[in-house]
């Protein structure tokens, strides 16, 4: 269970430091968050600050040292800070995957990996790590997170967030299409807002990283609803069919998005003795606030899984 007082306490800690660095040292708010996290984790500071300000940093740190924060307390506090940081830079909140999506995806992960051990998870578009750590906090598996992003500040935030919630992680600062590794149990990602359709980045990212999955592993991605309407969609389907199957497509409620409604795509990597399902999971979720309709849909998904043997 989350503790609202702990969330506020952790937020107040890094917010106080980030505000000082923003107002007095011209650091961005997100850079200030990273400095506060580094100070908490390693007792180190990267910049040259006045003795008065350093003393204030220690005062703020001492306030939270005795508190035993839960991983969700920390993640939610950091998420609030990210929203403030993005507001400072006039960036869209769409850069952060909503908790409702992350928690629903964790439900799907538990269904998909019910009888499977899940050790390594790759998020090749990790950003600040909110999606992958939300999933990690809501499943009953001890995972190691691998993440890739081409923004150094986001990489540092993702790395620090993992360390703060005691989740083993390796975060790489590089172009995701130049990152190569293999043997991951699962891949999760939230596709960014696409500014150009040629070539279509989501197709490139999925094709590039699907080969990194272990046999019978799953890739889950948040995609735009026009994902399969893009140029070269047929080529994408053909490429996917060589190494995996489209396992499911779940349409998220339009009410969640101001623009660009989204869905969750699930792809399963082929195994040595692969048996393709005769059908795939196709669901349209009602609004999360319509509890009766939503629970009925969850029951339908539960039934779909229970009617199938080990998949």
C-alpha atoms as a PDB file:
ATOM      1  CA  UNK A   1       0.000   0.000   0.000  1.00  0.00           C
ATOM      2  CA  UNK A   2       1.200   3.481  -0.800  1.00  0.00           C
ATOM      3  CA  UNK A   3       1.557   6.095   1.912  1.00  0.00           C
ATOM      4  CA  UNK A   4       0.531   9.605   0.858  1.00  0.00           C
ATOM      5  CA  UNK A   5       2.572  11.192   3.648  1.00  0.00           C
ATOM      6  CA  UNK A   6       5.674   9.329   2.479  1.00  0.00           C
ATOM      7  CA  UNK A   7       5.042  10.410  -1.112  1.00  0.00           C
ATOM      8  CA  UNK A   8       4.811  14.028   0.040  1.00  0.00           C
ATOM      9  CA  UNK A   9       7.923  13.699   2.198  1.00  0.00           C
ATOM     10  CA  UNK A  10      10.038  12.264  -0.597  1.00  0.00           C
ATOM     11  CA  UNK A  11       8.743  14.843  -3.059  1.00  0.00           C
ATOM     12  CA  UNK A  12       9.437  17.699  -0.613  1.00  0.00           C
ATOM     13  CA  UNK A  13      13.023  16.456  -0.265  1.00  0.00           C
ATOM     14  CA  UNK A  14      14.053  16.553  -3.904  1.00  0.00           C
ATOM     15  CA  UNK A  15      11.754  19.470  -4.779  1.00  0.00           C
ATOM     16  CA  UNK A  16      13.434  21.724  -2.223  1.00  0.00           C
ATOM     17  CA  UNK A  17      16.871  20.927  -3.613  1.00  0.00           C
ATOM     18  CA  UNK A  18      15.793  21.137  -7.263  1.00  0.00           C
ATOM     19  CA  UNK A  19      14.178  24.525  -6.649  1.00  0.00           C
ATOM     20  CA  UNK A  20      17.361  25.899  -5.072  1.00  0.00           C
ATOM     21  CA  UNK A  21      19.463  24.660  -7.994  1.00  0.00           C
ATOM     22  CA  UNK A  22      16.939  26.017 -10.496  1.00  0.00           C
ATOM     23  CA  UNK A  23      16.662  29.467  -8.925  1.00  0.00           C
ATOM     24  CA  UNK A  24      20.270  30.004  -7.823  1.00  0.00           C
ATOM     25  CA  UNK A  25      22.420  27.913 -10.163  1.00  0.00           C
ATOM     26  CA  UNK A  26      20.467  27.870 -13.440  1.00  0.00           C
ATOM     27  CA  UNK A  27      20.116  24.088 -13.452  1.00  0.00           C
ATOM     28  CA  UNK A  28      16.973  22.669 -15.018  1.00  0.00           C
ATOM     29  CA  UNK A  29      14.473  21.192 -12.583  1.00  0.00           C
ATOM     30  CA  UNK A  30      15.118  17.681 -13.925  1.00  0.00           C
ATOM     31  CA  UNK A  31      18.870  18.147 -13.451  1.00  0.00           C
ATOM     32  CA  UNK A  32      18.128  19.289  -9.931  1.00  0.00           C
ATOM     33  CA  UNK A  33      16.121  16.130  -9.296  1.00  0.00           C
ATOM     34  CA  UNK A  34      19.079  14.032 -10.398  1.00  0.00           C
ATOM     35  CA  UNK A  35      21.419  16.001  -8.132  1.00  0.00           C
ATOM     36  CA  UNK A  36      19.076  15.407  -5.193  1.00  0.00           C
ATOM     37  CA  UNK A  37      18.928  11.680  -5.980  1.00  0.00           C
ATOM     38  CA  UNK A  38      22.703  11.397  -6.311  1.00  0.00           C
ATOM     39  CA  UNK A  39      23.091  13.199  -2.986  1.00  0.00           C
ATOM     40  CA  UNK A  40      20.668  10.800  -1.317  1.00  0.00           C
ATOM     41  CA  UNK A  41      22.180   7.659  -2.846  1.00  0.00           C
ATOM     42  CA  UNK A  42      25.899   8.461  -2.742  1.00  0.00           C
ATOM     43  CA  UNK A  43      26.235  11.587  -0.588  1.00  0.00           C
ATOM     44  CA  UNK A  44      27.870  13.308  -3.565  1.00  0.00           C
ATOM     45  CA  UNK A  45      27.202  16.611  -5.325  1.00  0.00           C
ATOM     46  CA  UNK A  46      28.261  17.367  -8.897  1.00  0.00           C
ATOM     47  CA  UNK A  47      28.254  21.161  -8.715  1.00  0.00           C
ATOM     48  CA  UNK A  48      29.975  23.852  -6.690  1.00  0.00           C
ATOM     49  CA  UNK A  49      27.427  25.245  -4.249  1.00  0.00           C
ATOM     50  CA  UNK A  50      27.563  27.651  -1.328  1.00  0.00           C
ATOM     51  CA  UNK A  51      28.149  26.276   2.151  1.00  0.00           C
ATOM     52  CA  UNK A  52      24.731  27.637   3.123  1.00  0.00           C
ATOM     53  CA  UNK A  53      22.983  25.700   0.371  1.00  0.00           C
ATOM     54  CA  UNK A  54      24.919  22.504   1.076  1.00  0.00           C
ATOM     55  CA  UNK A  55      23.899  22.786   4.712  1.00  0.00           C
ATOM     56  CA  UNK A  56      20.274  23.106   3.585  1.00  0.00           C
ATOM     57  CA  UNK A  57      20.643  19.995   1.411  1.00  0.00           C
ATOM     58  CA  UNK A  58      21.787  18.037   4.466  1.00  0.00           C
ATOM     59  CA  UNK A  59      18.875  19.365   6.523  1.00  0.00           C
ATOM     60  CA  UNK A  60      16.409  18.161   3.875  1.00  0.00           C
ATOM     61  CA  UNK A  61      18.160  14.813   3.593  1.00  0.00           C
ATOM     62  CA  UNK A  62      18.103  14.198   7.345  1.00  0.00           C
ATOM     63  CA  UNK A  63      14.331  14.658   7.345  1.00  0.00           C
ATOM     64  CA  UNK A  64      13.763  11.569   5.188  1.00  0.00           C
ATOM     65  CA  UNK A  65      16.632   9.271   6.227  1.00  0.00           C
ATOM     66  CA  UNK A  66      14.574   7.618   9.014  1.00  0.00           C
ATOM     67  CA  UNK A  67      11.617   6.868   6.690  1.00  0.00           C
ATOM     68  CA  UNK A  68      11.292   3.416   5.138  1.00  0.00           C
ATOM     69  CA  UNK A  69       9.783   4.331   1.781  1.00  0.00           C
ATOM     70  CA  UNK A  70       7.943   1.777  -0.330  1.00  0.00           C
ATOM     71  CA  UNK A  71       8.950   1.495  -3.973  1.00  0.00           C
ATOM     72  CA  UNK A  72       5.609   2.932  -5.109  1.00  0.00           C
ATOM     73  CA  UNK A  73       5.921   5.834  -2.651  1.00  0.00           C
ATOM     74  CA  UNK A  74       9.208   6.777  -4.306  1.00  0.00           C
ATOM     75  CA  UNK A  75       8.023   6.195  -7.880  1.00  0.00           C
ATOM     76  CA  UNK A  76       4.882   8.265  -7.431  1.00  0.00           C
ATOM     77  CA  UNK A  77       6.790  11.105  -5.798  1.00  0.00           C
ATOM     78  CA  UNK A  78       9.273  11.108  -8.674  1.00  0.00           C
ATOM     79  CA  UNK A  79       6.408  11.082 -11.158  1.00  0.00           C
ATOM     80  CA  UNK A  80       5.011  14.261  -9.581  1.00  0.00           C
ATOM     81  CA  UNK A  81       8.437  15.839  -9.890  1.00  0.00           C
ATOM     82  CA  UNK A  82       8.680  14.844 -13.546  1.00  0.00           C
ATOM     83  CA  UNK A  83       5.355  16.523 -14.265  1.00  0.00           C
ATOM     84  CA  UNK A  84       6.707  19.722 -12.694  1.00  0.00           C
ATOM     85  CA  UNK A  85       9.978  19.388 -14.596  1.00  0.00           C
ATOM     86  CA  UNK A  86       8.224  18.929 -17.935  1.00  0.00           C
ATOM     87  CA  UNK A  87       6.035  21.935 -17.192  1.00  0.00           C
ATOM     88  CA  UNK A  88       9.198  23.985 -16.685  1.00  0.00           C
ATOM     89  CA  UNK A  89      10.421  23.028 -20.155  1.00  0.00           C
ATOM     90  CA  UNK A  90       6.984  23.251 -21.782  1.00  0.00           C
ATOM     91  CA  UNK A  91       7.164  19.553 -22.593  1.00  0.00           C
ATOM     92  CA  UNK A  92       4.101  17.366 -22.947  1.00  0.00           C
ATOM     93  CA  UNK A  93       2.889  15.210 -20.060  1.00  0.00           C
ATOM     94  CA  UNK A  94       2.494  12.523 -22.730  1.00  0.00           C
ATOM     95  CA  UNK A  95       6.187  11.817 -22.143  1.00  0.00           C
ATOM     96  CA  UNK A  96       5.098   9.987 -18.974  1.00  0.00           C
ATOM     97  CA  UNK A  97       3.056   6.807 -19.383  1.00  0.00           C
ATOM     98  CA  UNK A  98      -0.077   7.122 -17.186  1.00  0.00           C
ATOM     99  CA  UNK A  99      -0.167   4.876 -14.131  1.00  0.00           C
ATOM    100  CA  UNK A 100      -3.436   3.289 -15.262  1.00  0.00           C
ATOM    101  CA  UNK A 101      -1.692   1.967 -18.373  1.00  0.00           C
ATOM    102  CA  UNK A 102       1.350   0.735 -16.466  1.00  0.00           C
ATOM    103  CA  UNK A 103      -0.769  -1.025 -13.852  1.00  0.00           C
ATOM    104  CA  UNK A 104      -2.999  -2.609 -16.507  1.00  0.00           C
ATOM    105  CA  UNK A 105       0.089  -3.783 -18.383  1.00  0.00           C
ATOM    106  CA  UNK A 106       1.385  -5.357 -15.165  1.00  0.00           C
ATOM    107  CA  UNK A 107      -1.888  -7.304 -14.995  1.00  0.00           C
ATOM    108  CA  UNK A 108      -1.265  -8.538 -18.539  1.00  0.00           C
ATOM    109  CA  UNK A 109       2.324  -9.458 -17.675  1.00  0.00           C
ATOM    110  CA  UNK A 110       1.135 -11.589 -14.749  1.00  0.00           C
ATOM    111  CA  UNK A 111      -1.256 -13.392 -17.103  1.00  0.00           C
ATOM    112  CA  UNK A 112       1.390 -13.915 -19.782  1.00  0.00           C
ATOM    113  CA  UNK A 113       4.108 -15.066 -17.372  1.00  0.00           C
ATOM    114  CA  UNK A 114       1.905 -16.925 -14.893  1.00  0.00           C
ATOM    115  CA  UNK A 115       4.016 -20.078 -15.012  1.00  0.00           C
ATOM    116  CA  UNK A 116       7.218 -18.530 -16.333  1.00  0.00           C
ATOM    117  CA  UNK A 117      10.204 -17.039 -14.571  1.00  0.00           C
ATOM    118  CA  UNK A 118      10.760 -13.411 -15.463  1.00  0.00           C
ATOM    119  CA  UNK A 119      14.239 -12.100 -14.739  1.00  0.00           C
ATOM    120  CA  UNK A 120      15.238  -9.584 -17.426  1.00  0.00           C
ATOM    121  CA  UNK A 121      13.107  -6.839 -18.953  1.00  0.00           C
ATOM    122  CA  UNK A 122      14.175  -4.452 -21.717  1.00  0.00           C
ATOM    123  CA  UNK A 123      12.580  -1.063 -22.300  1.00  0.00           C
ATOM    124  CA  UNK A 124      14.275   0.212 -25.474  1.00  0.00           C
ATOM    125  CA  UNK A 125      12.531   3.601 -25.162  1.00  0.00           C
ATOM    126  CA  UNK A 126      12.920   3.847 -21.410  1.00  0.00           C
ATOM    127  CA  UNK A 127      12.696   7.612 -20.933  1.00  0.00           C
ATOM    128  CA  UNK A 128      12.656   8.239 -17.179  1.00  0.00           C
ATOM    129  CA  UNK A 129      11.659   4.624 -16.506  1.00  0.00           C
ATOM    130  CA  UNK A 130       8.133   5.228 -15.233  1.00  0.00           C
ATOM    131  CA  UNK A 131       6.474   2.488 -17.314  1.00  0.00           C
ATOM    132  CA  UNK A 132       8.943  -0.319 -16.715  1.00  0.00           C
ATOM    133  CA  UNK A 133       9.246   0.429 -12.996  1.00  0.00           C
ATOM    134  CA  UNK A 134       5.469   0.637 -12.611  1.00  0.00           C
ATOM    135  CA  UNK A 135       5.242  -2.848 -14.085  1.00  0.00           C
ATOM    136  CA  UNK A 136       8.119  -4.064 -11.940  1.00  0.00           C
ATOM    137  CA  UNK A 137       6.472  -2.743  -8.777  1.00  0.00           C
ATOM    138  CA  UNK A 138       3.199  -4.550  -9.527  1.00  0.00           C
ATOM    139  CA  UNK A 139       4.352  -8.045 -10.451  1.00  0.00           C
ATOM    140  CA  UNK A 140       5.580 -10.743  -8.111  1.00  0.00           C
ATOM    141  CA  UNK A 141       8.952 -11.213  -9.791  1.00  0.00           C
ATOM    142  CA  UNK A 142      12.432  -9.930  -9.003  1.00  0.00           C
ATOM    143  CA  UNK A 143      13.419  -8.403 -12.328  1.00  0.00           C
ATOM    144  CA  UNK A 144      16.481  -6.661 -13.699  1.00  0.00           C
ATOM    145  CA  UNK A 145      15.677  -3.696 -15.925  1.00  0.00           C
ATOM    146  CA  UNK A 146      17.627  -2.812 -19.058  1.00  0.00           C
ATOM    147  CA  UNK A 147      16.793   0.544 -20.620  1.00  0.00           C
ATOM    148  CA  UNK A 148      17.898   2.612 -23.605  1.00  0.00           C
ATOM    149  CA  UNK A 149      17.337   6.311 -24.307  1.00  0.00           C
ATOM    150  CA  UNK A 150      19.054   9.055 -26.286  1.00  0.00           C
ATOM    151  CA  UNK A 151      18.498  11.747 -23.626  1.00  0.00           C
ATOM    152  CA  UNK A 152      21.208  11.771 -20.950  1.00  0.00           C
ATOM    153  CA  UNK A 153      19.075  13.488 -18.308  1.00  0.00           C
ATOM    154  CA  UNK A 154      16.311  10.914 -18.733  1.00  0.00           C
ATOM    155  CA  UNK A 155      18.860   8.107 -18.596  1.00  0.00           C
ATOM    156  CA  UNK A 156      20.199   9.444 -15.305  1.00  0.00           C
ATOM    157  CA  UNK A 157      16.678   9.758 -13.919  1.00  0.00           C
ATOM    158  CA  UNK A 158      15.823   6.191 -14.957  1.00  0.00           C
ATOM    159  CA  UNK A 159      19.041   4.884 -13.421  1.00  0.00           C
ATOM    160  CA  UNK A 160      18.518   6.802 -10.185  1.00  0.00           C
ATOM    161  CA  UNK A 161      14.867   5.772  -9.908  1.00  0.00           C
ATOM    162  CA  UNK A 162      15.851   2.128 -10.258  1.00  0.00           C
ATOM    163  CA  UNK A 163      18.493   2.521  -7.559  1.00  0.00           C
ATOM    164  CA  UNK A 164      16.085   4.355  -5.251  1.00  0.00           C
ATOM    165  CA  UNK A 165      13.514   1.540  -5.430  1.00  0.00           C
ATOM    166  CA  UNK A 166      16.189  -1.176  -5.232  1.00  0.00           C
ATOM    167  CA  UNK A 167      15.546  -2.538  -8.710  1.00  0.00           C
ATOM    168  CA  UNK A 168      18.664  -3.834 -10.442  1.00  0.00           C
ATOM    169  CA  UNK A 169      19.152  -1.883 -13.664  1.00  0.00           C
ATOM    170  CA  UNK A 170      21.451  -1.052 -16.551  1.00  0.00           C
ATOM    171  CA  UNK A 171      20.505   2.092 -18.453  1.00  0.00           C
ATOM    172  CA  UNK A 172      22.266   2.922 -21.715  1.00  0.00           C
ATOM    173  CA  UNK A 173      22.588   6.379 -23.240  1.00  0.00           C
ATOM    174  CA  UNK A 174      22.443   5.730 -26.977  1.00  0.00           C
ATOM    175  CA  UNK A 175      20.258   5.451 -30.077  1.00  0.00           C
ATOM    176  CA  UNK A 176      17.907   2.536 -29.496  1.00  0.00           C
ATOM    177  CA  UNK A 177      18.365   1.349 -33.082  1.00  0.00           C
ATOM    178  CA  UNK A 178      22.089   0.966 -32.415  1.00  0.00           C
ATOM    179  CA  UNK A 179      21.651  -1.010 -29.196  1.00  0.00           C
ATOM    180  CA  UNK A 180      22.236  -4.745 -29.533  1.00  0.00           C
ATOM    181  CA  UNK A 181      21.826  -7.437 -26.907  1.00  0.00           C
ATOM    182  CA  UNK A 182      19.819 -10.630 -26.542  1.00  0.00           C
ATOM    183  CA  UNK A 183      18.300 -13.061 -24.102  1.00  0.00           C
ATOM    184  CA  UNK A 184      15.628 -10.812 -22.572  1.00  0.00           C
ATOM    185  CA  UNK A 185      12.600 -12.480 -20.997  1.00  0.00           C
ATOM    186  CA  UNK A 186      10.325  -9.571 -21.897  1.00  0.00           C
ATOM    187  CA  UNK A 187      10.296  -6.250 -23.746  1.00  0.00           C
ATOM    188  CA  UNK A 188       7.988  -3.353 -22.837  1.00  0.00           C
ATOM    189  CA  UNK A 189       7.783   0.110 -24.315  1.00  0.00           C
ATOM    190  CA  UNK A 190       5.617   3.148 -24.911  1.00  0.00           C
ATOM    191  CA  UNK A 191       6.058   4.529 -28.398  1.00  0.00           C
ATOM    192  CA  UNK A 192       6.835   8.271 -28.553  1.00  0.00           C
ATOM    193  CA  UNK A 193       4.800  10.842 -30.418  1.00  0.00           C
ATOM    194  CA  UNK A 194       5.779  10.358 -34.059  1.00  0.00           C
ATOM    195  CA  UNK A 195       6.617  13.533 -35.990  1.00  0.00           C
ATOM    196  CA  UNK A 196       7.426  11.850 -39.274  1.00  0.00           C
ATOM    197  CA  UNK A 197       5.996   8.690 -40.795  1.00  0.00           C
ATOM    198  CA  UNK A 198       8.850   7.807 -43.149  1.00  0.00           C
ATOM    199  CA  UNK A 199      10.363   5.596 -42.031  1.00  0.00           C
ATOM    200  CA  UNK A 200       7.855   4.767 -39.306  1.00  0.00           C
ATOM    201  CA  UNK A 201       9.868   4.567 -36.073  1.00  0.00           C
ATOM    202  CA  UNK A 202       7.602   2.108 -34.189  1.00  0.00           C
ATOM    203  CA  UNK A 203       8.052  -0.488 -36.938  1.00  0.00           C
ATOM    204  CA  UNK A 204      11.805   0.031 -36.826  1.00  0.00           C
ATOM    205  CA  UNK A 205      12.039  -0.266 -33.041  1.00  0.00           C
ATOM    206  CA  UNK A 206       9.908  -3.412 -32.808  1.00  0.00           C
ATOM    207  CA  UNK A 207      11.674  -5.153 -35.701  1.00  0.00           C
ATOM    208  CA  UNK A 208      15.083  -4.221 -34.288  1.00  0.00           C
ATOM    209  CA  UNK A 209      14.464  -5.456 -30.750  1.00  0.00           C
ATOM    210  CA  UNK A 210      12.120  -8.415 -31.221  1.00  0.00           C
ATOM    211  CA  UNK A 211      15.089 -10.633 -32.060  1.00  0.00           C
ATOM    212  CA  UNK A 212      16.467  -9.841 -28.584  1.00  0.00           C
ATOM    213  CA  UNK A 213      13.662 -11.779 -26.897  1.00  0.00           C
ATOM    214  CA  UNK A 214      14.060 -15.303 -25.644  1.00  0.00           C
ATOM    215  CA  UNK A 215      11.931 -17.934 -27.375  1.00  0.00           C
ATOM    216  CA  UNK A 216       8.278 -17.671 -26.339  1.00  0.00           C
ATOM    217  CA  UNK A 217       8.893 -14.297 -24.693  1.00  0.00           C
ATOM    218  CA  UNK A 218       6.520 -11.352 -25.096  1.00  0.00           C
ATOM    219  CA  UNK A 219       6.854  -7.801 -26.356  1.00  0.00           C
ATOM    220  CA  UNK A 220       4.246  -5.349 -25.075  1.00  0.00           C
ATOM    221  CA  UNK A 221       4.063  -1.891 -26.596  1.00  0.00           C
ATOM    222  CA  UNK A 222       1.760   1.091 -26.279  1.00  0.00           C
ATOM    223  CA  UNK A 223       1.014   2.162 -29.863  1.00  0.00           C
ATOM    224  CA  UNK A 224      -1.118   4.731 -31.688  1.00  0.00           C
ATOM    225  CA  UNK A 225      -4.404   3.359 -32.973  1.00  0.00           C
ATOM    226  CA  UNK A 226      -3.349   4.059 -36.563  1.00  0.00           C
ATOM    227  CA  UNK A 227      -0.297   1.819 -36.102  1.00  0.00           C
ATOM    228  CA  UNK A 228      -1.407  -0.706 -38.732  1.00  0.00           C
ATOM    229  CA  UNK A 229      -2.486   1.991 -41.182  1.00  0.00           C
ATOM    230  CA  UNK A 230       0.999   3.281 -41.866  1.00  0.00           C
ATOM    231  CA  UNK A 231       2.940   2.920 -45.086  1.00  0.00           C
ATOM    232  CA  UNK A 232       4.782  -0.424 -45.230  1.00  0.00           C
ATOM    233  CA  UNK A 233       2.401  -2.036 -42.729  1.00  0.00           C
ATOM    234  CA  UNK A 234       2.346  -5.185 -44.875  1.00  0.00           C
ATOM    235  CA  UNK A 235       6.139  -5.342 -44.841  1.00  0.00           C
ATOM    236  CA  UNK A 236       6.129  -4.937 -41.051  1.00  0.00           C
ATOM    237  CA  UNK A 237       3.639  -7.798 -40.618  1.00  0.00           C
ATOM    238  CA  UNK A 238       5.726  -9.977 -42.899  1.00  0.00           C
ATOM    239  CA  UNK A 239       8.907  -9.260 -40.951  1.00  0.00           C
ATOM    240  CA  UNK A 240       7.193  -9.958 -37.634  1.00  0.00           C
ATOM    241  CA  UNK A 241       5.803 -13.265 -38.887  1.00  0.00           C
ATOM    242  CA  UNK A 242       9.351 -14.538 -39.447  1.00  0.00           C
ATOM    243  CA  UNK A 243      10.191 -14.419 -35.746  1.00  0.00           C
ATOM    244  CA  UNK A 244       6.912 -14.063 -33.860  1.00  0.00           C
ATOM    245  CA  UNK A 245       3.123 -13.851 -33.788  1.00  0.00           C
ATOM    246  CA  UNK A 246       0.814 -10.952 -33.059  1.00  0.00           C
ATOM    247  CA  UNK A 247      -0.667 -12.291 -29.840  1.00  0.00           C
ATOM    248  CA  UNK A 248      -3.060  -9.541 -28.799  1.00  0.00           C
ATOM    249  CA  UNK A 249      -4.333  -6.025 -29.379  1.00  0.00           C
ATOM    250  CA  UNK A 250      -6.091  -4.118 -26.616  1.00  0.00           C
ATOM    251  CA  UNK A 251      -7.669  -0.755 -27.411  1.00  0.00           C
ATOM    252  CA  UNK A 252      -7.386   1.710 -24.562  1.00  0.00           C
ATOM    253  CA  UNK A 253     -10.251   4.107 -23.735  1.00  0.00           C
ATOM    254  CA  UNK A 254     -10.269   7.219 -25.928  1.00  0.00           C
ATOM    255  CA  UNK A 255     -11.133   9.277 -22.839  1.00  0.00           C
ATOM    256  CA  UNK A 256      -7.588   8.717 -21.538  1.00  0.00           C
ATOM    257  CA  UNK A 257      -6.057  10.828 -24.289  1.00  0.00           C
ATOM    258  CA  UNK A 258      -6.516  14.406 -25.424  1.00  0.00           C
ATOM    259  CA  UNK A 259      -5.266  13.321 -28.835  1.00  0.00           C
ATOM    260  CA  UNK A 260      -3.735  10.232 -30.436  1.00  0.00           C
ATOM    261  CA  UNK A 261      -5.816   7.398 -28.902  1.00  0.00           C
ATOM    262  CA  UNK A 262      -3.706   4.346 -28.153  1.00  0.00           C
ATOM    263  CA  UNK A 263      -3.721   0.575 -27.841  1.00  0.00           C
ATOM    264  CA  UNK A 264      -1.481  -2.109 -26.371  1.00  0.00           C
ATOM    265  CA  UNK A 265       0.120  -4.476 -28.869  1.00  0.00           C
ATOM    266  CA  UNK A 266       1.365  -7.877 -27.689  1.00  0.00           C
ATOM    267  CA  UNK A 267       3.769  -9.916 -29.822  1.00  0.00           C
ATOM    268  CA  UNK A 268       5.016 -13.367 -28.903  1.00  0.00           C
ATOM    269  CA  UNK A 269       8.439 -14.595 -30.012  1.00  0.00           C
ATOM    270  CA  UNK A 270       8.411 -17.990 -31.699  1.00  0.00           C
ATOM    271  CA  UNK A 271       9.836 -21.009 -29.922  1.00  0.00           C
ATOM    272  CA  UNK A 272      11.515 -24.137 -31.247  1.00  0.00           C
ATOM    273  CA  UNK A 273       8.254 -26.057 -31.015  1.00  0.00           C
ATOM    274  CA  UNK A 274       5.946 -23.180 -31.750  1.00  0.00           C
ATOM    275  CA  UNK A 275       2.183 -23.623 -31.837  1.00  0.00           C
ATOM    276  CA  UNK A 276       0.360 -20.608 -33.199  1.00  0.00           C
ATOM    277  CA  UNK A 277      -2.961 -19.783 -31.563  1.00  0.00           C
ATOM    278  CA  UNK A 278      -6.010 -19.952 -33.795  1.00  0.00           C
ATOM    279  CA  UNK A 279      -7.161 -16.608 -32.452  1.00  0.00           C
ATOM    280  CA  UNK A 280      -5.574 -13.697 -30.654  1.00  0.00           C
ATOM    281  CA  UNK A 281      -6.611 -11.537 -27.748  1.00  0.00           C
ATOM    282  CA  UNK A 282      -8.711  -8.673 -29.115  1.00  0.00           C
ATOM    283  CA  UNK A 283     -10.247  -6.355 -26.529  1.00  0.00           C
ATOM    284  CA  UNK A 284     -11.638  -2.820 -26.360  1.00  0.00           C
ATOM    285  CA  UNK A 285     -11.398  -1.480 -22.832  1.00  0.00           C
ATOM    286  CA  UNK A 286     -14.201   0.692 -21.468  1.00  0.00           C
ATOM    287  CA  UNK A 287     -13.389   3.808 -19.489  1.00  0.00           C
ATOM    288  CA  UNK A 288     -11.565   2.842 -16.308  1.00  0.00           C
ATOM    289  CA  UNK A 289     -14.099   4.787 -14.206  1.00  0.00           C
ATOM    290  CA  UNK A 290     -16.994   2.631 -15.463  1.00  0.00           C
ATOM    291  CA  UNK A 291     -16.214  -0.057 -12.930  1.00  0.00           C
ATOM    292  CA  UNK A 292     -18.914  -2.572 -13.823  1.00  0.00           C
ATOM    293  CA  UNK A 293     -18.094  -2.539 -17.543  1.00  0.00           C
ATOM    294  CA  UNK A 294     -14.365  -2.570 -16.811  1.00  0.00           C
ATOM    295  CA  UNK A 295     -14.635  -5.525 -14.419  1.00  0.00           C
ATOM    296  CA  UNK A 296     -16.726  -7.417 -16.982  1.00  0.00           C
ATOM    297  CA  UNK A 297     -13.983  -6.864 -19.557  1.00  0.00           C
ATOM    298  CA  UNK A 298     -11.321  -8.082 -17.121  1.00  0.00           C
ATOM    299  CA  UNK A 299     -13.423 -11.199 -16.513  1.00  0.00           C
ATOM    300  CA  UNK A 300     -13.532 -11.788 -20.273  1.00  0.00           C
ATOM    301  CA  UNK A 301      -9.747 -11.513 -20.479  1.00  0.00           C
ATOM    302  CA  UNK A 302      -9.372 -13.879 -17.514  1.00  0.00           C
ATOM    303  CA  UNK A 303     -11.674 -16.371 -19.268  1.00  0.00           C
ATOM    304  CA  UNK A 304      -9.715 -16.072 -22.530  1.00  0.00           C
ATOM    305  CA  UNK A 305      -6.523 -17.055 -20.731  1.00  0.00           C
ATOM    306  CA  UNK A 306      -8.118 -19.771 -18.607  1.00  0.00           C
ATOM    307  CA  UNK A 307      -9.609 -21.499 -21.675  1.00  0.00           C
ATOM    308  CA  UNK A 308      -6.162 -21.974 -23.142  1.00  0.00           C
ATOM    309  CA  UNK A 309      -3.488 -24.312 -21.979  1.00  0.00           C
ATOM    310  CA  UNK A 310       0.059 -23.206 -21.321  1.00  0.00           C
ATOM    311  CA  UNK A 311       0.776 -20.442 -23.847  1.00  0.00           C
END
